[in-house]
Amino acid sequence: MTMKWVEVGSLEDIPSRGARCVNTHEGRLALFRTADGQVFAIEDHCPHKGGPLSQGIVHGTSVTCPLHNWVVSLETGKALGADEGVVRTVPVRSEGGRLFIALGARAGEAA
């Protein structure tokens, strides 16, 4: 599948340790910004019961779902600890403070 890089806004649009959502033809994605400025994009639903990960708490390179406290890796999309499940991750790049996501890419598939 061919990747198409799509601009989705500015790094400044996402608060530190926060998230911003974008709707794409591939579904709703959440872009997260860690305390050290890294940006990750994953599907905006917890693999447990579909909770909105974008409303969760970002810590390190993980987010905790606001519904049932599942912790999901922003790097891999996998549930951490004893929980099992995965959400799709999407490549992100930054150019001059502008953020782009790779649509059509399959960095991580939902199981």
N, C-alpha and C. Protein backbone atom coordinates (compact mmCIF):
# COMPACT_ATOMS: atom_id res chain seq x y z
N MET A 1 0.84 -1.17 0.00
CA MET A 1 0.00 0.00 0.00
C MET A 1 0.90 1.24 0.00
N THR A 2 0.55 2.24 -0.79
CA THR A 2 1.34 3.45 -0.91
C THR A 2 0.97 4.45 0.17
N MET A 3 1.99 5.04 0.79
CA MET A 3 1.76 6.06 1.82
C MET A 3 1.54 7.42 1.18
N LYS A 4 0.61 8.17 1.76
CA LYS A 4 0.39 9.55 1.36
C LYS A 4 0.50 10.40 2.62
N TRP A 5 1.46 11.31 2.64
CA TRP A 5 1.65 12.17 3.80
C TRP A 5 0.64 13.31 3.74
N VAL A 6 -0.14 13.46 4.81
CA VAL A 6 -1.21 14.46 4.88
C VAL A 6 -0.93 15.40 6.06
N GLU A 7 -0.94 16.70 5.80
CA GLU A 7 -0.72 17.67 6.87
C GLU A 7 -1.95 17.73 7.76
N VAL A 8 -1.71 17.69 9.08
CA VAL A 8 -2.82 17.68 10.03
C VAL A 8 -2.75 18.80 11.06
N GLY A 9 -1.81 19.72 10.89
CA GLY A 9 -1.74 20.85 11.81
C GLY A 9 -0.33 21.11 12.29
N SER A 10 -0.28 21.84 13.38
CA SER A 10 0.98 22.29 13.96
C SER A 10 1.28 21.54 15.25
N LEU A 11 2.55 21.41 15.55
CA LEU A 11 2.95 20.83 16.82
C LEU A 11 2.33 21.60 17.98
N GLU A 12 2.21 22.91 17.82
CA GLU A 12 1.64 23.75 18.87
C GLU A 12 0.15 23.50 19.10
N ASP A 13 -0.52 22.81 18.15
CA ASP A 13 -1.94 22.47 18.30
C ASP A 13 -2.18 21.42 19.38
N ILE A 14 -1.11 20.70 19.72
CA ILE A 14 -1.24 19.61 20.69
C ILE A 14 -0.53 20.02 21.98
N PRO A 15 -1.27 20.10 23.08
CA PRO A 15 -0.61 20.47 24.33
C PRO A 15 0.37 19.39 24.80
N SER A 16 1.39 19.79 25.51
CA SER A 16 2.32 18.84 26.09
C SER A 16 1.54 17.87 26.97
N ARG A 17 1.80 16.57 26.80
CA ARG A 17 1.12 15.50 27.53
C ARG A 17 -0.39 15.50 27.26
N GLY A 18 -0.75 15.90 26.02
CA GLY A 18 -2.15 15.95 25.63
C GLY A 18 -2.35 15.33 24.26
N ALA A 19 -3.56 15.52 23.73
CA ALA A 19 -3.92 14.91 22.45
C ALA A 19 -4.81 15.84 21.63
N ARG A 20 -4.87 15.54 20.35
CA ARG A 20 -5.76 16.22 19.40
C ARG A 20 -6.25 15.15 18.45
N CYS A 21 -7.52 15.19 18.06
CA CYS A 21 -8.07 14.19 17.15
C CYS A 21 -8.20 14.74 15.74
N VAL A 22 -8.04 13.84 14.78
CA VAL A 22 -8.29 14.15 13.39
C VAL A 22 -9.13 13.03 12.79
N ASN A 23 -10.09 13.41 11.98
CA ASN A 23 -10.91 12.43 11.27
C ASN A 23 -10.34 12.25 9.87
N THR A 24 -10.12 11.01 9.49
CA THR A 24 -9.57 10.71 8.17
C THR A 24 -10.47 9.67 7.50
N HIS A 25 -10.22 9.40 6.24
CA HIS A 25 -10.98 8.35 5.56
C HIS A 25 -10.64 6.97 6.13
N GLU A 26 -9.60 6.89 6.93
CA GLU A 26 -9.22 5.63 7.59
C GLU A 26 -9.75 5.55 9.02
N GLY A 27 -10.52 6.55 9.44
CA GLY A 27 -11.07 6.56 10.79
C GLY A 27 -10.52 7.70 11.64
N ARG A 28 -11.00 7.75 12.86
CA ARG A 28 -10.60 8.80 13.80
C ARG A 28 -9.26 8.43 14.43
N LEU A 29 -8.30 9.35 14.33
CA LEU A 29 -6.98 9.16 14.90
C LEU A 29 -6.73 10.18 15.99
N ALA A 30 -5.95 9.79 16.98
CA ALA A 30 -5.55 10.70 18.04
C ALA A 30 -4.05 10.92 17.91
N LEU A 31 -3.65 12.19 17.90
CA LEU A 31 -2.23 12.55 17.90
C LEU A 31 -1.88 12.97 19.31
N PHE A 32 -0.85 12.36 19.86
CA PHE A 32 -0.41 12.62 21.22
C PHE A 32 0.95 13.29 21.21
N ARG A 33 1.15 14.19 22.17
CA ARG A 33 2.46 14.84 22.36
C ARG A 33 2.95 14.52 23.76
N THR A 34 4.13 13.93 23.84
CA THR A 34 4.69 13.55 25.13
C THR A 34 5.35 14.77 25.78
N ALA A 35 5.73 14.61 27.03
CA ALA A 35 6.36 15.70 27.77
C ALA A 35 7.66 16.15 27.12
N ASP A 36 8.35 15.22 26.43
CA ASP A 36 9.61 15.59 25.78
C ASP A 36 9.42 15.97 24.30
N GLY A 37 8.16 16.16 23.88
CA GLY A 37 7.87 16.69 22.54
C GLY A 37 7.71 15.67 21.42
N GLN A 38 7.79 14.38 21.73
CA GLN A 38 7.55 13.38 20.70
C GLN A 38 6.07 13.37 20.34
N VAL A 39 5.76 13.06 19.08
CA VAL A 39 4.37 13.00 18.64
C VAL A 39 4.09 11.61 18.07
N PHE A 40 2.96 11.04 18.48
CA PHE A 40 2.53 9.72 18.03
C PHE A 40 1.08 9.81 17.56
N ALA A 41 0.71 8.95 16.61
CA ALA A 41 -0.67 8.88 16.15
C ALA A 41 -1.15 7.43 16.24
N ILE A 42 -2.31 7.24 16.87
CA ILE A 42 -2.92 5.93 16.99
C ILE A 42 -4.43 6.09 16.83
N GLU A 43 -5.10 4.96 16.59
CA GLU A 43 -6.56 4.99 16.54
C GLU A 43 -7.09 5.48 17.88
N ASP A 44 -8.18 6.24 17.84
CA ASP A 44 -8.72 6.84 19.06
C ASP A 44 -9.75 5.96 19.73
N HIS A 45 -9.40 4.71 19.94
CA HIS A 45 -10.28 3.83 20.71
C HIS A 45 -9.47 2.77 21.41
N CYS A 46 -9.81 2.56 22.66
CA CYS A 46 -9.12 1.57 23.47
C CYS A 46 -9.45 0.16 22.95
N PRO A 47 -8.48 -0.75 22.93
CA PRO A 47 -8.77 -2.10 22.47
C PRO A 47 -9.67 -2.88 23.43
N HIS A 48 -9.89 -2.35 24.61
CA HIS A 48 -10.71 -3.02 25.61
C HIS A 48 -12.20 -2.87 25.29
N LYS A 49 -12.71 -1.65 25.42
CA LYS A 49 -14.13 -1.41 25.17
C LYS A 49 -14.37 -0.16 24.35
N GLY A 50 -13.35 0.25 23.60
CA GLY A 50 -13.53 1.37 22.68
C GLY A 50 -13.49 2.75 23.28
N GLY A 51 -13.00 2.88 24.50
CA GLY A 51 -12.93 4.19 25.15
C GLY A 51 -12.07 5.18 24.36
N PRO A 52 -12.34 6.48 24.50
CA PRO A 52 -11.60 7.50 23.75
C PRO A 52 -10.21 7.74 24.33
N LEU A 53 -9.20 7.14 23.72
CA LEU A 53 -7.84 7.29 24.23
C LEU A 53 -7.39 8.75 24.24
N SER A 54 -7.92 9.55 23.33
CA SER A 54 -7.55 10.97 23.26
C SER A 54 -7.91 11.72 24.54
N GLN A 55 -8.80 11.16 25.34
CA GLN A 55 -9.19 11.79 26.60
C GLN A 55 -8.44 11.20 27.80
N GLY A 56 -7.49 10.33 27.50
CA GLY A 56 -6.72 9.67 28.55
C GLY A 56 -5.54 10.50 29.03
N ILE A 57 -4.82 9.94 29.98
CA ILE A 57 -3.66 10.60 30.57
C ILE A 57 -2.40 10.08 29.90
N VAL A 58 -1.58 11.00 29.37
CA VAL A 58 -0.32 10.66 28.72
C VAL A 58 0.78 10.64 29.78
N HIS A 59 1.54 9.54 29.81
CA HIS A 59 2.67 9.42 30.72
C HIS A 59 3.76 8.66 30.00
N GLY A 60 4.92 9.28 29.91
CA GLY A 60 6.00 8.68 29.11
C GLY A 60 5.54 8.55 27.68
N THR A 61 5.67 7.34 27.12
CA THR A 61 5.20 7.08 25.76
C THR A 61 3.99 6.15 25.79
N SER A 62 3.13 6.36 26.80
CA SER A 62 1.91 5.58 26.96
C SER A 62 0.74 6.50 27.26
N VAL A 63 -0.47 5.97 27.08
CA VAL A 63 -1.68 6.69 27.45
C VAL A 63 -2.56 5.72 28.24
N THR A 64 -3.22 6.24 29.28
CA THR A 64 -4.14 5.44 30.07
C THR A 64 -5.57 5.79 29.67
N CYS A 65 -6.33 4.78 29.29
CA CYS A 65 -7.71 4.97 28.87
C CYS A 65 -8.52 5.54 30.03
N PRO A 66 -9.36 6.54 29.75
CA PRO A 66 -10.14 7.15 30.83
C PRO A 66 -11.28 6.28 31.34
N LEU A 67 -11.66 5.22 30.63
CA LEU A 67 -12.79 4.40 31.07
C LEU A 67 -12.43 3.31 32.06
N HIS A 68 -11.41 2.50 31.75
CA HIS A 68 -11.09 1.37 32.61
C HIS A 68 -9.61 1.25 32.93
N ASN A 69 -8.86 2.34 32.72
CA ASN A 69 -7.44 2.42 33.10
C ASN A 69 -6.51 1.46 32.36
N TRP A 70 -6.90 1.00 31.18
CA TRP A 70 -5.96 0.22 30.38
C TRP A 70 -4.86 1.16 29.92
N VAL A 71 -3.63 0.67 29.88
CA VAL A 71 -2.49 1.46 29.43
C VAL A 71 -2.08 0.95 28.05
N VAL A 72 -1.95 1.90 27.10
CA VAL A 72 -1.63 1.56 25.72
C VAL A 72 -0.34 2.27 25.32
N SER A 73 0.57 1.54 24.69
CA SER A 73 1.82 2.11 24.21
C SER A 73 1.54 2.99 22.99
N LEU A 74 2.04 4.23 23.03
CA LEU A 74 1.89 5.12 21.88
C LEU A 74 2.84 4.70 20.75
N GLU A 75 3.89 3.98 21.09
CA GLU A 75 4.87 3.54 20.10
C GLU A 75 4.39 2.33 19.30
N THR A 76 3.75 1.39 19.97
CA THR A 76 3.36 0.13 19.32
C THR A 76 1.86 -0.06 19.18
N GLY A 77 1.06 0.67 19.96
CA GLY A 77 -0.38 0.48 19.96
C GLY A 77 -0.83 -0.69 20.82
N LYS A 78 0.11 -1.39 21.45
CA LYS A 78 -0.24 -2.56 22.25
C LYS A 78 -0.63 -2.19 23.67
N ALA A 79 -1.61 -2.93 24.20
CA ALA A 79 -1.97 -2.80 25.60
C ALA A 79 -0.81 -3.32 26.43
N LEU A 80 -0.52 -2.66 27.53
CA LEU A 80 0.62 -3.02 28.38
C LEU A 80 0.15 -3.76 29.62
N GLY A 81 1.08 -4.39 30.30
CA GLY A 81 0.78 -5.13 31.52
C GLY A 81 0.09 -6.43 31.17
N ALA A 82 -0.86 -6.82 32.00
CA ALA A 82 -1.56 -8.10 31.81
C ALA A 82 -2.64 -8.01 30.73
N ASP A 83 -2.99 -6.80 30.31
CA ASP A 83 -4.04 -6.63 29.31
C ASP A 83 -3.54 -6.99 27.92
N GLU A 84 -4.45 -7.46 27.07
CA GLU A 84 -4.10 -7.84 25.71
C GLU A 84 -4.99 -7.11 24.73
N GLY A 85 -4.39 -6.63 23.65
CA GLY A 85 -5.11 -5.93 22.60
C GLY A 85 -4.17 -4.95 21.94
N VAL A 86 -4.57 -4.45 20.79
CA VAL A 86 -3.73 -3.52 20.05
C VAL A 86 -4.60 -2.59 19.21
N VAL A 87 -4.13 -1.36 19.05
CA VAL A 87 -4.74 -0.42 18.13
C VAL A 87 -3.71 -0.06 17.07
N ARG A 88 -4.18 0.36 15.93
CA ARG A 88 -3.29 0.70 14.81
C ARG A 88 -2.53 1.98 15.11
N THR A 89 -1.25 1.97 14.79
CA THR A 89 -0.43 3.17 14.88
C THR A 89 -0.23 3.73 13.46
N VAL A 90 0.03 5.02 13.39
CA VAL A 90 0.21 5.69 12.10
C VAL A 90 1.50 6.51 12.17
N PRO A 91 2.36 6.41 11.16
CA PRO A 91 3.59 7.21 11.16
C PRO A 91 3.29 8.71 11.17
N VAL A 92 4.13 9.44 11.93
CA VAL A 92 4.01 10.89 12.03
C VAL A 92 5.38 11.50 11.74
N ARG A 93 5.38 12.62 11.06
CA ARG A 93 6.63 13.36 10.90
C ARG A 93 6.35 14.84 11.09
N SER A 94 7.38 15.56 11.49
CA SER A 94 7.29 16.99 11.71
C SER A 94 8.28 17.70 10.79
N GLU A 95 7.80 18.73 10.12
CA GLU A 95 8.65 19.54 9.25
C GLU A 95 8.37 21.00 9.56
N GLY A 96 9.35 21.67 10.13
CA GLY A 96 9.19 23.08 10.44
C GLY A 96 8.02 23.37 11.37
N GLY A 97 7.75 22.46 12.29
CA GLY A 97 6.65 22.65 13.24
C GLY A 97 5.30 22.20 12.72
N ARG A 98 5.21 21.79 11.45
CA ARG A 98 3.97 21.27 10.86
C ARG A 98 3.98 19.75 11.00
N LEU A 99 2.83 19.16 11.30
CA LEU A 99 2.71 17.73 11.48
C LEU A 99 2.05 17.06 10.29
N PHE A 100 2.58 15.89 9.93
CA PHE A 100 2.04 15.10 8.83
C PHE A 100 1.86 13.67 9.31
N ILE A 101 0.77 13.03 8.85
CA ILE A 101 0.56 11.61 9.13
C ILE A 101 0.56 10.87 7.80
N ALA A 102 0.95 9.62 7.85
CA ALA A 102 1.03 8.79 6.64
C ALA A 102 -0.23 7.95 6.52
N LEU A 103 -1.13 8.39 5.67
CA LEU A 103 -2.34 7.61 5.42
C LEU A 103 -2.03 6.55 4.37
N GLY A 104 -2.69 5.43 4.50
CA GLY A 104 -2.40 4.31 3.60
C GLY A 104 -1.32 3.42 4.17
N ALA A 105 -0.62 3.90 5.19
CA ALA A 105 0.44 3.11 5.83
C ALA A 105 -0.16 2.21 6.88
N ARG A 106 0.45 1.09 7.09
CA ARG A 106 0.00 0.17 8.11
C ARG A 106 1.16 -0.15 9.04
N ALA A 107 1.51 0.83 9.90
CA ALA A 107 2.61 0.62 10.85
C ALA A 107 2.23 -0.44 11.87
N GLY A 108 0.98 -0.45 12.28
CA GLY A 108 0.49 -1.43 13.24
C GLY A 108 -0.96 -1.72 12.96
N GLU A 109 -1.32 -2.97 12.83
CA GLU A 109 -2.70 -3.36 12.53
C GLU A 109 -3.41 -3.77 13.80
N ALA A 110 -4.67 -3.44 13.87
CA ALA A 110 -5.49 -3.93 14.98
C ALA A 110 -5.64 -5.44 14.82
N ALA A 111 -5.50 -6.15 15.92
CA ALA A 111 -5.58 -7.62 15.87
C ALA A 111 -7.03 -8.06 15.85
